[in-house]
Amino acid sequence: MITPNSYEKASDNYTRRWYDDDSELSRIISKLEYSNDEIKTKVALMIIKVIINKKVLSLEYENIDELLDSIYAGYNDTRRTRWYDTNSTVRTAMQMLHDLPYDTRMSIAEEIKESHRYICIFPI
């Protein structure tokens, strides 16, 4: 079993990944990476929901179709070697996070970390 300290150590070794730019997001993604498939899907759905809520509330998009089109616009990645590529829900959440500006990613990470549901899945 991987302990919280091993998540932090694992993230120290991979600072070249885009999600390691923010320590909080890096911890969340590290926990996600080493979770079972059911938890990966639950957390990925939570990430997607938080991102959609932020984007809709900020009025960046007028409707859900416009939002979904923006998520998949230009997403033509055929690689299937990353740990999150095997689960389409996780891959979508990671793609959505990747496409956000750095400040927004940090804000999303804080919101996820403080979420009651996240705390229930990954107790602090």
N, C-alpha and C. Protein backbone atom coordinates (compact mmCIF):
# COMPACT_ATOMS: atom_id res chain seq x y z
N MET A 1 0.85 -1.18 0.00
CA MET A 1 0.00 0.00 0.00
C MET A 1 0.89 1.24 0.00
N ILE A 2 0.49 2.22 -0.75
CA ILE A 2 1.26 3.46 -0.83
C ILE A 2 0.76 4.41 0.25
N THR A 3 1.68 4.98 0.97
CA THR A 3 1.34 5.90 2.05
C THR A 3 1.39 7.34 1.53
N PRO A 4 0.78 8.28 2.26
CA PRO A 4 0.83 9.68 1.82
C PRO A 4 2.25 10.19 1.61
N ASN A 5 3.19 9.76 2.45
CA ASN A 5 4.57 10.20 2.26
C ASN A 5 5.16 9.69 0.96
N SER A 6 4.78 8.49 0.54
CA SER A 6 5.33 7.97 -0.71
C SER A 6 4.75 8.73 -1.90
N TYR A 7 3.54 9.31 -1.76
CA TYR A 7 3.01 10.15 -2.84
C TYR A 7 3.91 11.35 -3.04
N GLU A 8 4.29 11.98 -1.92
CA GLU A 8 5.12 13.16 -2.01
C GLU A 8 6.48 12.82 -2.59
N LYS A 9 7.05 11.69 -2.18
CA LYS A 9 8.34 11.28 -2.72
C LYS A 9 8.23 10.98 -4.20
N ALA A 10 7.14 10.33 -4.60
CA ALA A 10 6.97 10.01 -6.02
C ALA A 10 6.88 11.28 -6.84
N SER A 11 6.17 12.29 -6.34
CA SER A 11 6.03 13.52 -7.12
C SER A 11 7.35 14.28 -7.21
N ASP A 12 8.23 14.13 -6.20
CA ASP A 12 9.53 14.78 -6.27
C ASP A 12 10.37 14.24 -7.42
N ASN A 13 10.16 12.99 -7.76
CA ASN A 13 10.96 12.36 -8.80
C ASN A 13 10.50 12.73 -10.21
N TYR A 14 9.34 13.30 -10.36
CA TYR A 14 8.78 13.55 -11.68
C TYR A 14 8.37 15.00 -11.87
N THR A 15 9.25 15.91 -11.59
CA THR A 15 8.91 17.32 -11.69
C THR A 15 8.77 17.78 -13.13
N ARG A 16 9.00 16.95 -14.10
CA ARG A 16 8.85 17.33 -15.49
C ARG A 16 7.40 17.25 -15.98
N ARG A 17 6.52 16.66 -15.18
CA ARG A 17 5.12 16.53 -15.59
C ARG A 17 4.40 17.85 -15.39
N TRP A 18 3.47 18.17 -16.28
CA TRP A 18 2.77 19.46 -16.22
C TRP A 18 2.03 19.65 -14.90
N TYR A 19 1.53 18.59 -14.30
CA TYR A 19 0.76 18.75 -13.07
C TYR A 19 1.64 18.86 -11.84
N ASP A 20 2.93 18.74 -11.98
CA ASP A 20 3.83 18.89 -10.85
C ASP A 20 4.22 20.34 -10.62
N ASP A 21 3.76 21.25 -11.47
CA ASP A 21 4.05 22.67 -11.28
C ASP A 21 3.40 23.21 -10.01
N ASP A 22 2.31 22.60 -9.60
CA ASP A 22 1.61 23.01 -8.37
C ASP A 22 1.65 21.83 -7.40
N SER A 23 2.17 22.05 -6.21
CA SER A 23 2.36 20.94 -5.27
C SER A 23 1.04 20.30 -4.86
N GLU A 24 -0.01 21.10 -4.68
CA GLU A 24 -1.30 20.54 -4.27
C GLU A 24 -1.89 19.67 -5.37
N LEU A 25 -1.85 20.17 -6.60
CA LEU A 25 -2.35 19.38 -7.72
C LEU A 25 -1.51 18.11 -7.89
N SER A 26 -0.23 18.23 -7.71
CA SER A 26 0.65 17.07 -7.81
C SER A 26 0.28 15.99 -6.80
N ARG A 27 -0.03 16.39 -5.56
CA ARG A 27 -0.44 15.42 -4.53
C ARG A 27 -1.75 14.75 -4.92
N ILE A 28 -2.69 15.53 -5.40
CA ILE A 28 -3.99 14.97 -5.80
C ILE A 28 -3.80 13.96 -6.92
N ILE A 29 -3.03 14.33 -7.93
CA ILE A 29 -2.83 13.45 -9.09
C ILE A 29 -2.03 12.21 -8.69
N SER A 30 -1.07 12.36 -7.79
CA SER A 30 -0.31 11.19 -7.33
C SER A 30 -1.20 10.19 -6.61
N LYS A 31 -2.09 10.71 -5.76
CA LYS A 31 -3.03 9.82 -5.08
C LYS A 31 -3.94 9.14 -6.09
N LEU A 32 -4.38 9.91 -7.06
CA LEU A 32 -5.24 9.36 -8.10
C LEU A 32 -4.53 8.26 -8.89
N GLU A 33 -3.30 8.52 -9.26
CA GLU A 33 -2.54 7.55 -10.07
C GLU A 33 -2.45 6.18 -9.40
N TYR A 34 -2.29 6.16 -8.08
CA TYR A 34 -2.09 4.90 -7.38
C TYR A 34 -3.36 4.33 -6.75
N SER A 35 -4.49 4.86 -7.15
CA SER A 35 -5.78 4.38 -6.64
C SER A 35 -6.33 3.27 -7.52
N ASN A 36 -7.34 2.59 -7.00
CA ASN A 36 -7.99 1.57 -7.82
C ASN A 36 -8.90 2.25 -8.85
N ASP A 37 -9.39 1.49 -9.81
CA ASP A 37 -10.16 2.06 -10.92
C ASP A 37 -11.43 2.76 -10.47
N GLU A 38 -12.10 2.23 -9.46
CA GLU A 38 -13.34 2.84 -8.99
C GLU A 38 -13.07 4.24 -8.41
N ILE A 39 -12.03 4.34 -7.61
CA ILE A 39 -11.69 5.63 -7.01
C ILE A 39 -11.19 6.60 -8.09
N LYS A 40 -10.40 6.10 -9.04
CA LYS A 40 -9.94 6.95 -10.15
C LYS A 40 -11.13 7.59 -10.86
N THR A 41 -12.14 6.79 -11.14
CA THR A 41 -13.32 7.30 -11.85
C THR A 41 -14.07 8.32 -10.99
N LYS A 42 -14.24 8.03 -9.71
CA LYS A 42 -14.96 8.96 -8.81
C LYS A 42 -14.25 10.30 -8.72
N VAL A 43 -12.94 10.27 -8.53
CA VAL A 43 -12.19 11.50 -8.40
C VAL A 43 -12.16 12.25 -9.73
N ALA A 44 -12.02 11.51 -10.83
CA ALA A 44 -12.02 12.15 -12.15
C ALA A 44 -13.35 12.85 -12.41
N LEU A 45 -14.45 12.22 -12.05
CA LEU A 45 -15.76 12.87 -12.20
C LEU A 45 -15.86 14.11 -11.33
N MET A 46 -15.29 14.06 -10.13
CA MET A 46 -15.29 15.23 -9.26
C MET A 46 -14.49 16.36 -9.91
N ILE A 47 -13.34 16.05 -10.47
CA ILE A 47 -12.51 17.05 -11.14
C ILE A 47 -13.27 17.67 -12.30
N ILE A 48 -13.90 16.84 -13.11
CA ILE A 48 -14.67 17.33 -14.26
C ILE A 48 -15.79 18.25 -13.79
N LYS A 49 -16.49 17.83 -12.74
CA LYS A 49 -17.60 18.64 -12.22
C LYS A 49 -17.12 20.00 -11.73
N VAL A 50 -16.02 20.03 -11.00
CA VAL A 50 -15.48 21.29 -10.49
C VAL A 50 -15.08 22.20 -11.65
N ILE A 51 -14.42 21.64 -12.64
CA ILE A 51 -14.00 22.44 -13.81
C ILE A 51 -15.21 22.98 -14.55
N ILE A 52 -16.19 22.14 -14.79
CA ILE A 52 -17.40 22.59 -15.51
C ILE A 52 -18.10 23.68 -14.72
N ASN A 53 -18.25 23.49 -13.41
CA ASN A 53 -18.90 24.52 -12.59
C ASN A 53 -18.15 25.85 -12.68
N LYS A 54 -16.84 25.80 -12.61
CA LYS A 54 -16.05 27.03 -12.70
C LYS A 54 -16.22 27.70 -14.06
N LYS A 55 -16.17 26.91 -15.12
CA LYS A 55 -16.26 27.48 -16.46
C LYS A 55 -17.65 28.02 -16.75
N VAL A 56 -18.67 27.32 -16.30
CA VAL A 56 -20.04 27.77 -16.54
C VAL A 56 -20.33 29.01 -15.69
N LEU A 57 -19.90 28.98 -14.43
CA LEU A 57 -20.15 30.13 -13.56
C LEU A 57 -19.40 31.37 -14.01
N SER A 58 -18.24 31.18 -14.65
CA SER A 58 -17.49 32.33 -15.12
C SER A 58 -18.03 32.84 -16.45
N LEU A 59 -19.05 32.17 -16.96
CA LEU A 59 -19.72 32.55 -18.21
C LEU A 59 -18.79 32.49 -19.42
N GLU A 60 -17.80 31.59 -19.35
CA GLU A 60 -16.92 31.40 -20.50
C GLU A 60 -17.69 30.76 -21.66
N TYR A 61 -18.71 29.99 -21.32
CA TYR A 61 -19.46 29.28 -22.34
C TYR A 61 -20.94 29.54 -22.15
N GLU A 62 -21.66 29.55 -23.26
CA GLU A 62 -23.09 29.83 -23.20
C GLU A 62 -23.93 28.58 -22.97
N ASN A 63 -23.39 27.41 -23.36
CA ASN A 63 -24.14 26.17 -23.16
C ASN A 63 -23.17 25.00 -23.04
N ILE A 64 -23.71 23.86 -22.66
CA ILE A 64 -22.87 22.69 -22.41
C ILE A 64 -22.21 22.17 -23.69
N ASP A 65 -22.89 22.28 -24.82
CA ASP A 65 -22.29 21.83 -26.08
C ASP A 65 -21.02 22.62 -26.40
N GLU A 66 -21.07 23.90 -26.17
CA GLU A 66 -19.91 24.76 -26.41
C GLU A 66 -18.76 24.35 -25.48
N LEU A 67 -19.08 24.06 -24.24
CA LEU A 67 -18.08 23.61 -23.28
C LEU A 67 -17.46 22.29 -23.71
N LEU A 68 -18.31 21.33 -24.07
CA LEU A 68 -17.80 20.01 -24.49
C LEU A 68 -16.96 20.12 -25.76
N ASP A 69 -17.39 20.96 -26.70
CA ASP A 69 -16.60 21.16 -27.92
C ASP A 69 -15.21 21.69 -27.58
N SER A 70 -15.14 22.59 -26.61
CA SER A 70 -13.84 23.16 -26.24
C SER A 70 -12.93 22.12 -25.59
N ILE A 71 -13.54 21.19 -24.87
CA ILE A 71 -12.75 20.14 -24.21
C ILE A 71 -12.06 19.26 -25.24
N TYR A 72 -12.79 18.91 -26.27
CA TYR A 72 -12.25 17.97 -27.25
C TYR A 72 -11.67 18.63 -28.48
N ALA A 73 -11.71 19.94 -28.56
CA ALA A 73 -11.14 20.65 -29.71
C ALA A 73 -9.65 20.37 -29.79
N GLY A 74 -9.24 19.83 -30.88
CA GLY A 74 -7.82 19.56 -31.07
C GLY A 74 -7.30 18.37 -30.29
N TYR A 75 -8.16 17.68 -29.55
CA TYR A 75 -7.69 16.52 -28.79
C TYR A 75 -7.63 15.33 -29.71
N ASN A 76 -6.45 15.11 -30.21
CA ASN A 76 -6.22 14.07 -31.18
C ASN A 76 -5.08 13.19 -30.72
N ASP A 77 -4.89 13.11 -29.45
CA ASP A 77 -3.77 12.39 -28.88
C ASP A 77 -4.02 10.89 -28.98
N THR A 78 -3.19 10.21 -29.73
CA THR A 78 -3.35 8.77 -29.89
C THR A 78 -2.45 7.98 -28.94
N ARG A 79 -1.68 8.69 -28.11
CA ARG A 79 -0.83 7.98 -27.15
C ARG A 79 -1.70 7.26 -26.14
N ARG A 80 -1.28 6.11 -25.78
CA ARG A 80 -1.99 5.34 -24.75
C ARG A 80 -1.00 4.78 -23.76
N THR A 81 0.08 5.51 -23.55
CA THR A 81 1.13 5.02 -22.67
C THR A 81 1.12 5.65 -21.30
N ARG A 82 0.37 6.74 -21.13
CA ARG A 82 0.33 7.39 -19.82
C ARG A 82 -0.62 6.62 -18.91
N TRP A 83 -0.39 6.70 -17.61
CA TRP A 83 -1.18 5.93 -16.66
C TRP A 83 -2.65 6.27 -16.75
N TYR A 84 -3.01 7.47 -17.13
CA TYR A 84 -4.41 7.87 -17.16
C TYR A 84 -5.10 7.64 -18.50
N ASP A 85 -4.40 7.12 -19.47
CA ASP A 85 -5.00 6.90 -20.79
C ASP A 85 -5.90 5.67 -20.86
N THR A 86 -5.81 4.78 -19.90
CA THR A 86 -6.59 3.54 -19.96
C THR A 86 -8.03 3.73 -19.52
N ASN A 87 -8.32 4.84 -18.85
CA ASN A 87 -9.68 5.11 -18.37
C ASN A 87 -10.12 6.42 -19.02
N SER A 88 -11.16 6.37 -19.85
CA SER A 88 -11.56 7.56 -20.61
C SER A 88 -12.03 8.70 -19.71
N THR A 89 -12.63 8.39 -18.57
CA THR A 89 -13.08 9.44 -17.65
C THR A 89 -11.87 10.15 -17.04
N VAL A 90 -10.89 9.38 -16.62
CA VAL A 90 -9.68 9.96 -16.05
C VAL A 90 -8.93 10.75 -17.12
N ARG A 91 -8.84 10.19 -18.32
CA ARG A 91 -8.16 10.89 -19.42
C ARG A 91 -8.82 12.23 -19.71
N THR A 92 -10.15 12.27 -19.70
CA THR A 92 -10.88 13.51 -19.94
C THR A 92 -10.60 14.53 -18.84
N ALA A 93 -10.63 14.07 -17.59
CA ALA A 93 -10.35 14.97 -16.46
C ALA A 93 -8.94 15.54 -16.57
N MET A 94 -7.99 14.69 -16.89
CA MET A 94 -6.60 15.14 -17.02
C MET A 94 -6.45 16.11 -18.19
N GLN A 95 -7.12 15.85 -19.29
CA GLN A 95 -7.07 16.75 -20.44
C GLN A 95 -7.66 18.12 -20.08
N MET A 96 -8.78 18.09 -19.37
CA MET A 96 -9.42 19.34 -18.97
C MET A 96 -8.50 20.13 -18.04
N LEU A 97 -7.88 19.46 -17.08
CA LEU A 97 -6.94 20.13 -16.18
C LEU A 97 -5.75 20.70 -16.95
N HIS A 98 -5.22 19.91 -17.85
CA HIS A 98 -4.05 20.31 -18.62
C HIS A 98 -4.31 21.59 -19.41
N ASP A 99 -5.52 21.73 -19.92
CA ASP A 99 -5.85 22.87 -20.79
C ASP A 99 -6.15 24.15 -20.02
N LEU A 100 -6.21 24.07 -18.70
CA LEU A 100 -6.50 25.26 -17.89
C LEU A 100 -5.24 26.09 -17.67
N PRO A 101 -5.42 27.40 -17.51
CA PRO A 101 -4.27 28.22 -17.13
C PRO A 101 -3.77 27.80 -15.74
N TYR A 102 -2.51 28.06 -15.47
CA TYR A 102 -1.87 27.65 -14.22
C TYR A 102 -2.66 28.11 -12.99
N ASP A 103 -3.05 29.38 -12.95
CA ASP A 103 -3.77 29.91 -11.79
C ASP A 103 -5.10 29.20 -11.57
N THR A 104 -5.77 28.88 -12.66
CA THR A 104 -7.05 28.17 -12.55
C THR A 104 -6.83 26.76 -12.05
N ARG A 105 -5.77 26.11 -12.52
CA ARG A 105 -5.44 24.77 -12.03
C ARG A 105 -5.20 24.78 -10.53
N MET A 106 -4.48 25.80 -10.04
CA MET A 106 -4.22 25.90 -8.60
C MET A 106 -5.53 26.07 -7.84
N SER A 107 -6.41 26.88 -8.37
CA SER A 107 -7.71 27.11 -7.74
C SER A 107 -8.55 25.83 -7.72
N ILE A 108 -8.53 25.10 -8.81
CA ILE A 108 -9.25 23.82 -8.91
C ILE A 108 -8.69 22.84 -7.89
N ALA A 109 -7.38 22.76 -7.79
CA ALA A 109 -6.73 21.84 -6.84
C ALA A 109 -7.17 22.16 -5.41
N GLU A 110 -7.20 23.44 -5.05
CA GLU A 110 -7.63 23.83 -3.70
C GLU A 110 -9.09 23.44 -3.46
N GLU A 111 -9.93 23.68 -4.46
CA GLU A 111 -11.34 23.35 -4.32
C GLU A 111 -11.55 21.85 -4.16
N ILE A 112 -10.82 21.07 -4.92
CA ILE A 112 -10.93 19.61 -4.83
C ILE A 112 -10.43 19.15 -3.46
N LYS A 113 -9.30 19.67 -3.03
CA LYS A 113 -8.72 19.28 -1.74
C LYS A 113 -9.68 19.57 -0.59
N GLU A 114 -10.41 20.65 -0.67
CA GLU A 114 -11.32 21.03 0.39
C GLU A 114 -12.70 20.40 0.27
N SER A 115 -12.93 19.69 -0.81
CA SER A 115 -14.22 19.06 -1.05
C SER A 115 -14.47 17.93 -0.04
N HIS A 116 -15.65 17.90 0.53
CA HIS A 116 -16.03 16.85 1.48
C HIS A 116 -15.89 15.47 0.83
N ARG A 117 -16.30 15.36 -0.40
CA ARG A 117 -16.24 14.06 -1.09
C ARG A 117 -14.80 13.59 -1.24
N TYR A 118 -13.90 14.51 -1.60
CA TYR A 118 -12.49 14.16 -1.75
C TYR A 118 -11.91 13.71 -0.42
N ILE A 119 -12.24 14.43 0.65
CA ILE A 119 -11.73 14.08 1.98
C ILE A 119 -12.23 12.70 2.38
N CYS A 120 -13.45 12.35 2.00
CA CYS A 120 -13.98 11.01 2.31
C CYS A 120 -13.21 9.92 1.56
N ILE A 121 -12.81 10.22 0.34
CA ILE A 121 -12.06 9.24 -0.46
C ILE A 121 -10.62 9.14 0.00
N PHE A 122 -9.99 10.30 0.22
CA PHE A 122 -8.59 10.35 0.65
C PHE A 122 -8.50 11.15 1.95
N PRO A 123 -8.75 10.51 3.09
CA PRO A 123 -8.68 11.24 4.37
C PRO A 123 -7.32 11.92 4.53
N ILE A 124 -7.36 13.08 5.10
CA ILE A 124 -6.12 13.87 5.29
C ILE A 124 -5.30 13.28 6.42
